[in-house]
């Protein structure tokens, strides 16, 4: 009988006790883990060409810190990344999202919460309201390749992360309509919107910055108090 390949996770953390515990737990849930205990070896694995589905990346690492690892990975890869940090400083979380992280968890966290975040992220990477029936979707000058999860603006490739692509596609499917952040959080992140959670705002900011290279039009508008809307006209 043919079996599917397990989800392969790269876990970079210098806390050997934590990595051992999570390796055991996530392996029991059907995941395959590669463990690294410093930033240099973690980056080496991430860009080695091996097929990882998710990266769990601690910020406080020897040899090369998590921010530097994240920046280096994002130069060549859109692999989903969840940041793990013992710091409660909002600045670290915001900076991580600005640099292209898909999600974050502050230590200490429960193993069940981590598992839920990983599963939600994997679902997000496969997000496609059209299923396999439509290969592409055109919204003004934007073309969504729904099967490759890639965006083109006037035929130019826009380098979005998986989360950024899924978020923009969600807004595009409801173009001209107010889409509440609470709805985005449930549909993409699989969790209720938490007070002071700025991750959606940071993903929107990243999308706007990347699209600004191709147009001066304000494509995504902020609708107060907590919603966004993709424009439905291009005049």
C-alpha atoms as a PDB file:
ATOM      1  CA  UNK A   1       0.000   0.000   0.000  1.00  0.00           C
ATOM      2  CA  UNK A   2       1.323   3.432  -0.947  1.00  0.00           C
ATOM      3  CA  UNK A   3       1.799   5.784   1.982  1.00  0.00           C
ATOM      4  CA  UNK A   4       2.107   9.567   1.919  1.00  0.00           C
ATOM      5  CA  UNK A   5       5.353  11.187   2.956  1.00  0.00           C
ATOM      6  CA  UNK A   6       5.332  12.693   6.451  1.00  0.00           C
ATOM      7  CA  UNK A   7       5.443  16.438   6.903  1.00  0.00           C
ATOM      8  CA  UNK A   8       9.119  17.354   7.321  1.00  0.00           C
ATOM      9  CA  UNK A   9       9.936  20.046   9.884  1.00  0.00           C
ATOM     10  CA  UNK A  10      13.249  21.816  10.399  1.00  0.00           C
ATOM     11  CA  UNK A  11      13.483  22.731  14.091  1.00  0.00           C
ATOM     12  CA  UNK A  12      16.260  25.171  15.068  1.00  0.00           C
ATOM     13  CA  UNK A  13      16.672  25.742  18.822  1.00  0.00           C
ATOM     14  CA  UNK A  14      19.642  25.575  21.193  1.00  0.00           C
ATOM     15  CA  UNK A  15      17.465  24.210  24.028  1.00  0.00           C
ATOM     16  CA  UNK A  16      18.321  20.528  23.637  1.00  0.00           C
ATOM     17  CA  UNK A  17      15.785  19.418  26.240  1.00  0.00           C
ATOM     18  CA  UNK A  18      13.009  21.278  24.429  1.00  0.00           C
ATOM     19  CA  UNK A  19      14.026  19.969  21.012  1.00  0.00           C
ATOM     20  CA  UNK A  20      14.095  16.409  22.351  1.00  0.00           C
ATOM     21  CA  UNK A  21      10.632  16.733  23.881  1.00  0.00           C
ATOM     22  CA  UNK A  22       9.100  18.314  20.795  1.00  0.00           C
ATOM     23  CA  UNK A  23      10.828  15.809  18.517  1.00  0.00           C
ATOM     24  CA  UNK A  24       9.195  12.991  20.452  1.00  0.00           C
ATOM     25  CA  UNK A  25       5.796  14.682  20.562  1.00  0.00           C
ATOM     26  CA  UNK A  26       5.630  15.810  16.927  1.00  0.00           C
ATOM     27  CA  UNK A  27       7.002  12.484  15.709  1.00  0.00           C
ATOM     28  CA  UNK A  28       4.126  10.776  17.512  1.00  0.00           C
ATOM     29  CA  UNK A  29       1.785  13.053  15.555  1.00  0.00           C
ATOM     30  CA  UNK A  30       3.221  11.874  12.243  1.00  0.00           C
ATOM     31  CA  UNK A  31       5.844  14.566  11.571  1.00  0.00           C
ATOM     32  CA  UNK A  32       9.489  14.036  10.644  1.00  0.00           C
ATOM     33  CA  UNK A  33      11.951  16.429  12.300  1.00  0.00           C
ATOM     34  CA  UNK A  34      15.472  17.588  11.517  1.00  0.00           C
ATOM     35  CA  UNK A  35      17.037  19.202  14.597  1.00  0.00           C
ATOM     36  CA  UNK A  36      19.687  21.936  14.663  1.00  0.00           C
ATOM     37  CA  UNK A  37      21.055  23.670  17.755  1.00  0.00           C
ATOM     38  CA  UNK A  38      22.669  26.802  16.338  1.00  0.00           C
ATOM     39  CA  UNK A  39      21.843  29.371  13.686  1.00  0.00           C
ATOM     40  CA  UNK A  40      24.610  28.455  11.266  1.00  0.00           C
ATOM     41  CA  UNK A  41      23.686  24.778  11.000  1.00  0.00           C
ATOM     42  CA  UNK A  42      19.986  25.688  10.863  1.00  0.00           C
ATOM     43  CA  UNK A  43      20.540  28.042   7.939  1.00  0.00           C
ATOM     44  CA  UNK A  44      22.729  25.478   6.212  1.00  0.00           C
ATOM     45  CA  UNK A  45      19.920  22.927   6.436  1.00  0.00           C
ATOM     46  CA  UNK A  46      17.249  25.415   5.348  1.00  0.00           C
ATOM     47  CA  UNK A  47      19.060  26.344   2.130  1.00  0.00           C
ATOM     48  CA  UNK A  48      20.498  22.890   1.440  1.00  0.00           C
ATOM     49  CA  UNK A  49      17.801  22.026  -1.065  1.00  0.00           C
ATOM     50  CA  UNK A  50      16.132  19.511   1.221  1.00  0.00           C
ATOM     51  CA  UNK A  51      12.351  19.577   1.115  1.00  0.00           C
ATOM     52  CA  UNK A  52      11.110  21.024   4.408  1.00  0.00           C
ATOM     53  CA  UNK A  53       7.433  21.849   4.869  1.00  0.00           C
ATOM     54  CA  UNK A  54       7.827  24.117   7.915  1.00  0.00           C
ATOM     55  CA  UNK A  55      10.681  25.738   9.847  1.00  0.00           C
ATOM     56  CA  UNK A  56      10.424  26.220  13.623  1.00  0.00           C
ATOM     57  CA  UNK A  57      12.991  28.910  14.396  1.00  0.00           C
ATOM     58  CA  UNK A  58      14.073  30.129  17.816  1.00  0.00           C
ATOM     59  CA  UNK A  59      15.324  33.718  17.957  1.00  0.00           C
ATOM     60  CA  UNK A  60      18.012  33.371  20.625  1.00  0.00           C
ATOM     61  CA  UNK A  61      20.570  31.144  18.925  1.00  0.00           C
ATOM     62  CA  UNK A  62      24.363  30.773  19.118  1.00  0.00           C
ATOM     63  CA  UNK A  63      26.613  31.568  16.131  1.00  0.00           C
ATOM     64  CA  UNK A  64      23.809  33.239  14.160  1.00  0.00           C
ATOM     65  CA  UNK A  65      20.651  34.672  15.704  1.00  0.00           C
ATOM     66  CA  UNK A  66      17.168  33.843  14.511  1.00  0.00           C
ATOM     67  CA  UNK A  67      16.612  37.201  12.793  1.00  0.00           C
ATOM     68  CA  UNK A  68      19.716  36.725  10.652  1.00  0.00           C
ATOM     69  CA  UNK A  69      18.687  33.169   9.810  1.00  0.00           C
ATOM     70  CA  UNK A  70      15.211  34.372   8.852  1.00  0.00           C
ATOM     71  CA  UNK A  71      16.560  37.145   6.618  1.00  0.00           C
ATOM     72  CA  UNK A  72      18.946  34.747   4.889  1.00  0.00           C
ATOM     73  CA  UNK A  73      16.224  32.150   4.265  1.00  0.00           C
ATOM     74  CA  UNK A  74      13.873  34.770   2.834  1.00  0.00           C
ATOM     75  CA  UNK A  75      16.470  35.794   0.255  1.00  0.00           C
ATOM     76  CA  UNK A  76      15.849  32.552  -1.608  1.00  0.00           C
ATOM     77  CA  UNK A  77      12.867  30.728  -0.114  1.00  0.00           C
ATOM     78  CA  UNK A  78       9.213  31.213   0.850  1.00  0.00           C
ATOM     79  CA  UNK A  79       9.177  28.148   3.106  1.00  0.00           C
ATOM     80  CA  UNK A  80       6.683  28.639   5.990  1.00  0.00           C
ATOM     81  CA  UNK A  81       8.437  29.813   9.183  1.00  0.00           C
ATOM     82  CA  UNK A  82       7.122  29.930  12.742  1.00  0.00           C
ATOM     83  CA  UNK A  83       9.251  31.941  15.163  1.00  0.00           C
ATOM     84  CA  UNK A  84       9.721  30.644  18.700  1.00  0.00           C
ATOM     85  CA  UNK A  85      10.971  33.098  21.288  1.00  0.00           C
ATOM     86  CA  UNK A  86      11.242  33.435  25.028  1.00  0.00           C
ATOM     87  CA  UNK A  87      11.020  37.214  24.689  1.00  0.00           C
ATOM     88  CA  UNK A  88       7.699  38.940  25.300  1.00  0.00           C
ATOM     89  CA  UNK A  89       8.800  42.188  23.648  1.00  0.00           C
ATOM     90  CA  UNK A  90       6.368  43.130  20.898  1.00  0.00           C
ATOM     91  CA  UNK A  91       9.260  44.616  18.915  1.00  0.00           C
ATOM     92  CA  UNK A  92      10.726  41.147  18.326  1.00  0.00           C
ATOM     93  CA  UNK A  93       7.409  39.760  17.107  1.00  0.00           C
ATOM     94  CA  UNK A  94       6.793  42.701  14.793  1.00  0.00           C
ATOM     95  CA  UNK A  95      10.343  42.615  13.412  1.00  0.00           C
ATOM     96  CA  UNK A  96      10.050  38.881  12.774  1.00  0.00           C
ATOM     97  CA  UNK A  97       6.842  39.393  10.790  1.00  0.00           C
ATOM     98  CA  UNK A  98       8.380  42.297   8.877  1.00  0.00           C
ATOM     99  CA  UNK A  99      11.279  40.048   7.900  1.00  0.00           C
ATOM    100  CA  UNK A 100       8.874  37.457   6.503  1.00  0.00           C
ATOM    101  CA  UNK A 101       7.935  35.064   9.315  1.00  0.00           C
ATOM    102  CA  UNK A 102       4.510  33.489   8.856  1.00  0.00           C
ATOM    103  CA  UNK A 103       3.609  33.151  12.533  1.00  0.00           C
ATOM    104  CA  UNK A 104       5.128  33.251  16.027  1.00  0.00           C
ATOM    105  CA  UNK A 105       4.774  31.618  19.425  1.00  0.00           C
ATOM    106  CA  UNK A 106       6.162  32.999  22.679  1.00  0.00           C
ATOM    107  CA  UNK A 107       7.740  30.583  25.127  1.00  0.00           C
ATOM    108  CA  UNK A 108       6.540  28.891  27.184  1.00  0.00           C
ATOM    109  CA  UNK A 109       3.860  27.396  24.937  1.00  0.00           C
ATOM    110  CA  UNK A 110       1.879  24.173  25.051  1.00  0.00           C
ATOM    111  CA  UNK A 111       2.681  21.375  22.632  1.00  0.00           C
ATOM    112  CA  UNK A 112      -0.969  21.319  21.582  1.00  0.00           C
ATOM    113  CA  UNK A 113      -0.842  25.008  20.713  1.00  0.00           C
ATOM    114  CA  UNK A 114       2.278  24.477  18.620  1.00  0.00           C
ATOM    115  CA  UNK A 115       0.681  21.535  16.838  1.00  0.00           C
ATOM    116  CA  UNK A 116      -2.419  23.619  16.110  1.00  0.00           C
ATOM    117  CA  UNK A 117      -0.286  26.452  14.703  1.00  0.00           C
ATOM    118  CA  UNK A 118       1.661  24.053  12.461  1.00  0.00           C
ATOM    119  CA  UNK A 119      -1.517  22.461  11.121  1.00  0.00           C
ATOM    120  CA  UNK A 120      -3.126  25.860  10.544  1.00  0.00           C
ATOM    121  CA  UNK A 121      -0.037  27.048   8.684  1.00  0.00           C
ATOM    122  CA  UNK A 122      -0.002  23.961   6.470  1.00  0.00           C
ATOM    123  CA  UNK A 123      -3.703  24.461   5.697  1.00  0.00           C
ATOM    124  CA  UNK A 124      -2.953  28.077   4.875  1.00  0.00           C
ATOM    125  CA  UNK A 125      -0.313  27.055   2.365  1.00  0.00           C
ATOM    126  CA  UNK A 126      -2.934  24.959   0.577  1.00  0.00           C
ATOM    127  CA  UNK A 127      -5.597  27.659   0.730  1.00  0.00           C
ATOM    128  CA  UNK A 128      -7.613  27.822  -2.496  1.00  0.00           C
ATOM    129  CA  UNK A 129     -11.309  28.658  -2.549  1.00  0.00           C
ATOM    130  CA  UNK A 130     -11.591  27.231  -6.064  1.00  0.00           C
ATOM    131  CA  UNK A 131     -10.216  23.787  -5.229  1.00  0.00           C
ATOM    132  CA  UNK A 132      -8.728  22.236  -8.354  1.00  0.00           C
ATOM    133  CA  UNK A 133     -11.389  23.537 -10.752  1.00  0.00           C
ATOM    134  CA  UNK A 134      -9.773  26.877 -11.626  1.00  0.00           C
ATOM    135  CA  UNK A 135      -6.122  27.232 -12.569  1.00  0.00           C
ATOM    136  CA  UNK A 136      -5.930  31.007 -12.306  1.00  0.00           C
ATOM    137  CA  UNK A 137      -7.830  34.102 -11.218  1.00  0.00           C
ATOM    138  CA  UNK A 138      -7.507  37.583 -12.722  1.00  0.00           C
ATOM    139  CA  UNK A 139      -8.179  40.691 -10.615  1.00  0.00           C
ATOM    140  CA  UNK A 140      -7.294  43.841 -12.537  1.00  0.00           C
ATOM    141  CA  UNK A 141      -3.584  43.597 -13.441  1.00  0.00           C
ATOM    142  CA  UNK A 142      -3.062  40.796 -10.912  1.00  0.00           C
ATOM    143  CA  UNK A 143      -3.084  37.144 -11.932  1.00  0.00           C
ATOM    144  CA  UNK A 144      -3.287  34.500  -9.210  1.00  0.00           C
ATOM    145  CA  UNK A 145      -1.840  31.139 -10.186  1.00  0.00           C
ATOM    146  CA  UNK A 146      -4.137  29.131  -7.913  1.00  0.00           C
ATOM    147  CA  UNK A 147      -2.258  25.871  -8.288  1.00  0.00           C
ATOM    148  CA  UNK A 148       1.293  27.140  -7.878  1.00  0.00           C
ATOM    149  CA  UNK A 149       0.180  29.737  -5.297  1.00  0.00           C
ATOM    150  CA  UNK A 150       2.011  32.503  -7.141  1.00  0.00           C
ATOM    151  CA  UNK A 151       1.046  36.080  -7.975  1.00  0.00           C
ATOM    152  CA  UNK A 152       1.853  38.010 -11.147  1.00  0.00           C
ATOM    153  CA  UNK A 153       1.305  41.756 -11.587  1.00  0.00           C
ATOM    154  CA  UNK A 154       1.196  42.760 -15.265  1.00  0.00           C
ATOM    155  CA  UNK A 155       2.956  39.451 -15.969  1.00  0.00           C
ATOM    156  CA  UNK A 156       5.723  40.205 -13.454  1.00  0.00           C
ATOM    157  CA  UNK A 157       6.241  37.682 -10.651  1.00  0.00           C
ATOM    158  CA  UNK A 158       5.620  39.083  -7.165  1.00  0.00           C
ATOM    159  CA  UNK A 159       7.665  37.286  -4.523  1.00  0.00           C
ATOM    160  CA  UNK A 160       5.101  36.707  -1.748  1.00  0.00           C
ATOM    161  CA  UNK A 161       5.379  34.270   1.125  1.00  0.00           C
ATOM    162  CA  UNK A 162       2.717  31.576   1.310  1.00  0.00           C
ATOM    163  CA  UNK A 163       0.825  33.437   4.020  1.00  0.00           C
ATOM    164  CA  UNK A 164       0.966  36.719   2.091  1.00  0.00           C
ATOM    165  CA  UNK A 165      -0.344  35.016  -1.044  1.00  0.00           C
ATOM    166  CA  UNK A 166      -3.194  33.330   0.829  1.00  0.00           C
ATOM    167  CA  UNK A 167      -4.174  36.576   2.566  1.00  0.00           C
ATOM    168  CA  UNK A 168      -4.178  38.564  -0.672  1.00  0.00           C
ATOM    169  CA  UNK A 169      -6.178  35.859  -2.424  1.00  0.00           C
ATOM    170  CA  UNK A 170      -8.724  35.864   0.398  1.00  0.00           C
ATOM    171  CA  UNK A 171      -9.189  39.622  -0.052  1.00  0.00           C
ATOM    172  CA  UNK A 172      -9.347  39.211  -3.839  1.00  0.00           C
ATOM    173  CA  UNK A 173     -12.158  36.680  -3.573  1.00  0.00           C
ATOM    174  CA  UNK A 174     -14.144  39.354  -1.744  1.00  0.00           C
ATOM    175  CA  UNK A 175     -12.900  42.380  -3.700  1.00  0.00           C
ATOM    176  CA  UNK A 176     -14.802  45.574  -2.997  1.00  0.00           C
ATOM    177  CA  UNK A 177     -16.062  44.164   0.288  1.00  0.00           C
ATOM    178  CA  UNK A 178     -15.049  44.835   3.862  1.00  0.00           C
ATOM    179  CA  UNK A 179     -13.217  41.794   5.253  1.00  0.00           C
ATOM    180  CA  UNK A 180     -12.914  41.855   9.032  1.00  0.00           C
ATOM    181  CA  UNK A 181      -9.622  40.931  10.654  1.00  0.00           C
ATOM    182  CA  UNK A 182     -11.543  38.533  12.902  1.00  0.00           C
ATOM    183  CA  UNK A 183     -12.743  36.667   9.805  1.00  0.00           C
ATOM    184  CA  UNK A 184      -9.231  36.617   8.315  1.00  0.00           C
ATOM    185  CA  UNK A 185      -7.810  35.231  11.557  1.00  0.00           C
ATOM    186  CA  UNK A 186     -10.345  32.392  11.633  1.00  0.00           C
ATOM    187  CA  UNK A 187     -10.058  31.487   7.950  1.00  0.00           C
ATOM    188  CA  UNK A 188      -6.285  31.707   7.558  1.00  0.00           C
ATOM    189  CA  UNK A 189      -4.864  31.181  11.038  1.00  0.00           C
ATOM    190  CA  UNK A 190      -7.600  28.927  12.419  1.00  0.00           C
ATOM    191  CA  UNK A 191      -7.899  30.950  15.631  1.00  0.00           C
ATOM    192  CA  UNK A 192      -9.945  33.850  17.017  1.00  0.00           C
ATOM    193  CA  UNK A 193      -8.411  37.278  16.689  1.00  0.00           C
ATOM    194  CA  UNK A 194      -6.593  38.158  19.896  1.00  0.00           C
ATOM    195  CA  UNK A 195      -6.364  41.631  21.377  1.00  0.00           C
ATOM    196  CA  UNK A 196      -3.255  43.541  20.252  1.00  0.00           C
ATOM    197  CA  UNK A 197      -2.334  40.806  17.722  1.00  0.00           C
ATOM    198  CA  UNK A 198      -0.653  42.703  14.884  1.00  0.00           C
ATOM    199  CA  UNK A 199       0.348  39.758  12.705  1.00  0.00           C
ATOM    200  CA  UNK A 200      -2.373  40.356  10.090  1.00  0.00           C
ATOM    201  CA  UNK A 201      -1.450  44.054   9.963  1.00  0.00           C
ATOM    202  CA  UNK A 202       2.202  43.182   9.419  1.00  0.00           C
ATOM    203  CA  UNK A 203       1.391  40.719   6.635  1.00  0.00           C
ATOM    204  CA  UNK A 204      -0.754  43.401   4.962  1.00  0.00           C
ATOM    205  CA  UNK A 205       2.101  45.897   5.328  1.00  0.00           C
ATOM    206  CA  UNK A 206       4.502  43.450   3.669  1.00  0.00           C
ATOM    207  CA  UNK A 207       2.076  42.848   0.779  1.00  0.00           C
ATOM    208  CA  UNK A 208       1.605  46.589   0.252  1.00  0.00           C
ATOM    209  CA  UNK A 209       5.355  47.165   0.247  1.00  0.00           C
ATOM    210  CA  UNK A 210       5.915  44.448  -2.358  1.00  0.00           C
ATOM    211  CA  UNK A 211       3.044  45.597  -4.603  1.00  0.00           C
ATOM    212  CA  UNK A 212       4.299  49.196  -4.409  1.00  0.00           C
ATOM    213  CA  UNK A 213       7.171  48.130  -6.680  1.00  0.00           C
ATOM    214  CA  UNK A 214       4.632  47.600  -9.470  1.00  0.00           C
ATOM    215  CA  UNK A 215       1.960  50.261  -8.929  1.00  0.00           C
ATOM    216  CA  UNK A 216       1.245  53.500  -7.084  1.00  0.00           C
ATOM    217  CA  UNK A 217      -2.425  52.562  -6.664  1.00  0.00           C
ATOM    218  CA  UNK A 218      -3.546  51.797  -3.107  1.00  0.00           C
ATOM    219  CA  UNK A 219      -4.749  48.253  -3.797  1.00  0.00           C
ATOM    220  CA  UNK A 220      -5.521  47.261  -0.202  1.00  0.00           C
ATOM    221  CA  UNK A 221      -7.448  49.779   1.838  1.00  0.00           C
ATOM    222  CA  UNK A 222      -7.816  49.872   5.608  1.00  0.00           C
ATOM    223  CA  UNK A 223     -11.449  49.986   6.711  1.00  0.00           C
ATOM    224  CA  UNK A 224     -11.856  51.178  10.276  1.00  0.00           C
ATOM    225  CA  UNK A 225     -11.973  49.893  12.883  1.00  0.00           C
ATOM    226  CA  UNK A 226     -10.566  46.429  12.033  1.00  0.00           C
ATOM    227  CA  UNK A 227     -11.001  45.394   8.424  1.00  0.00           C
ATOM    228  CA  UNK A 228      -9.362  45.495   5.011  1.00  0.00           C
ATOM    229  CA  UNK A 229     -10.698  45.686   1.460  1.00  0.00           C
ATOM    230  CA  UNK A 230      -9.167  44.967  -1.929  1.00  0.00           C
ATOM    231  CA  UNK A 231     -10.267  47.588  -4.461  1.00  0.00           C
ATOM    232  CA  UNK A 232     -12.604  46.443  -7.230  1.00  0.00           C
ATOM    233  CA  UNK A 233     -11.692  49.149  -9.758  1.00  0.00           C
ATOM    234  CA  UNK A 234      -8.377  50.182 -11.323  1.00  0.00           C
ATOM    235  CA  UNK A 235      -9.078  53.669 -12.656  1.00  0.00           C
END
